[in-house]
Amino acid sequence: MLNTTAGRRLEDDLAVIEEIAARPAATAKELAANLTALYEATFNVALDRYDMQTLLRCAPEIARSIFAM
């Protein structure tokens, strides 16, 4: 598990992005709302919130989880 500063974990932020990406959209309005939420969640991941040593150590795991989305 990734440990991060200020109670934040990259795992948690990536899980939010994955959940948003998996949301169904039956209408154009729902799709637009999902895409807006996905953009905001992705844009707001700031790597400076997390412990750099943890990020470096877990980089392969992070990459795998991102590409598995």
Protein backbone atom coordinates (compact mmCIF):
# COMPACT_ATOMS: atom_id res chain seq x y z
CA MET A 1 0.00 0.00 0.00
CA LEU A 2 1.11 3.50 -0.71
CA ASN A 3 1.61 5.77 2.27
CA THR A 4 1.12 9.45 1.65
CA THR A 5 1.27 12.70 3.52
CA ALA A 6 -1.67 14.53 5.03
CA GLY A 7 -3.78 11.40 5.13
CA ARG A 8 -3.92 11.13 1.35
CA ARG A 9 -2.99 8.06 -0.60
CA LEU A 10 -2.42 7.90 -4.32
CA GLU A 11 -4.27 4.57 -4.30
CA ASP A 12 -7.39 6.33 -3.05
CA ASP A 13 -7.17 9.09 -5.64
CA LEU A 14 -6.69 6.54 -8.44
CA ALA A 15 -9.62 4.50 -7.13
CA VAL A 16 -11.85 7.57 -7.42
CA ILE A 17 -10.74 8.04 -11.02
CA GLU A 18 -11.39 4.38 -11.79
CA GLU A 19 -14.87 4.56 -10.23
CA ILE A 20 -15.77 7.61 -12.28
CA ALA A 21 -14.48 5.97 -15.49
CA ALA A 22 -16.68 2.92 -14.81
CA ARG A 23 -19.89 4.93 -14.40
CA PRO A 24 -22.50 4.18 -17.03
CA ALA A 25 -23.90 6.98 -19.15
CA ALA A 26 -27.25 6.54 -20.83
CA THR A 27 -27.53 10.09 -22.12
CA ALA A 28 -25.25 12.74 -23.54
CA LYS A 29 -25.81 14.80 -20.39
CA GLU A 30 -24.67 11.90 -18.17
CA LEU A 31 -21.66 11.30 -20.38
CA ALA A 32 -20.69 14.97 -20.21
CA ALA A 33 -21.07 14.94 -16.42
CA ASN A 34 -18.95 11.78 -16.14
CA LEU A 35 -16.25 13.19 -18.41
CA THR A 36 -16.19 16.45 -16.45
CA ALA A 37 -15.86 14.57 -13.16
CA LEU A 38 -13.17 12.34 -14.67
CA TYR A 39 -11.20 15.33 -15.93
CA GLU A 40 -11.44 17.09 -12.56
CA ALA A 41 -10.43 14.01 -10.58
CA THR A 42 -7.49 13.32 -12.90
CA PHE A 43 -6.38 16.95 -13.07
CA ASN A 44 -6.47 17.24 -9.27
CA VAL A 45 -4.03 14.37 -8.66
CA ALA A 46 -0.98 16.27 -7.51
CA LEU A 47 2.04 14.06 -6.96
CA ASP A 48 3.53 16.61 -4.56
CA ARG A 49 0.88 15.59 -2.01
CA TYR A 50 2.45 12.17 -1.63
CA ASP A 51 5.68 10.99 -0.09
CA MET A 52 8.29 11.01 -2.88
CA GLN A 53 10.20 8.01 -1.55
CA THR A 54 7.00 5.97 -1.49
CA LEU A 55 6.19 7.04 -5.04
CA LEU A 56 9.64 6.06 -6.24
CA ARG A 57 9.54 2.71 -4.49
CA CYS A 58 6.04 1.93 -5.77
CA ALA A 59 6.42 3.33 -9.30
CA PRO A 60 6.03 -0.06 -11.05
CA GLU A 61 2.88 -0.81 -9.03
CA ILE A 62 1.50 2.65 -9.76
CA ALA A 63 2.15 2.26 -13.49
CA ARG A 64 0.45 -1.15 -13.55
CA SER A 65 -2.62 0.16 -11.78
CA ILE A 66 -2.91 3.14 -14.12
CA PHE A 67 -2.58 1.03 -17.25
CA ALA A 68 -5.05 -1.54 -15.87
CA MET A 69 -7.78 1.12 -15.79
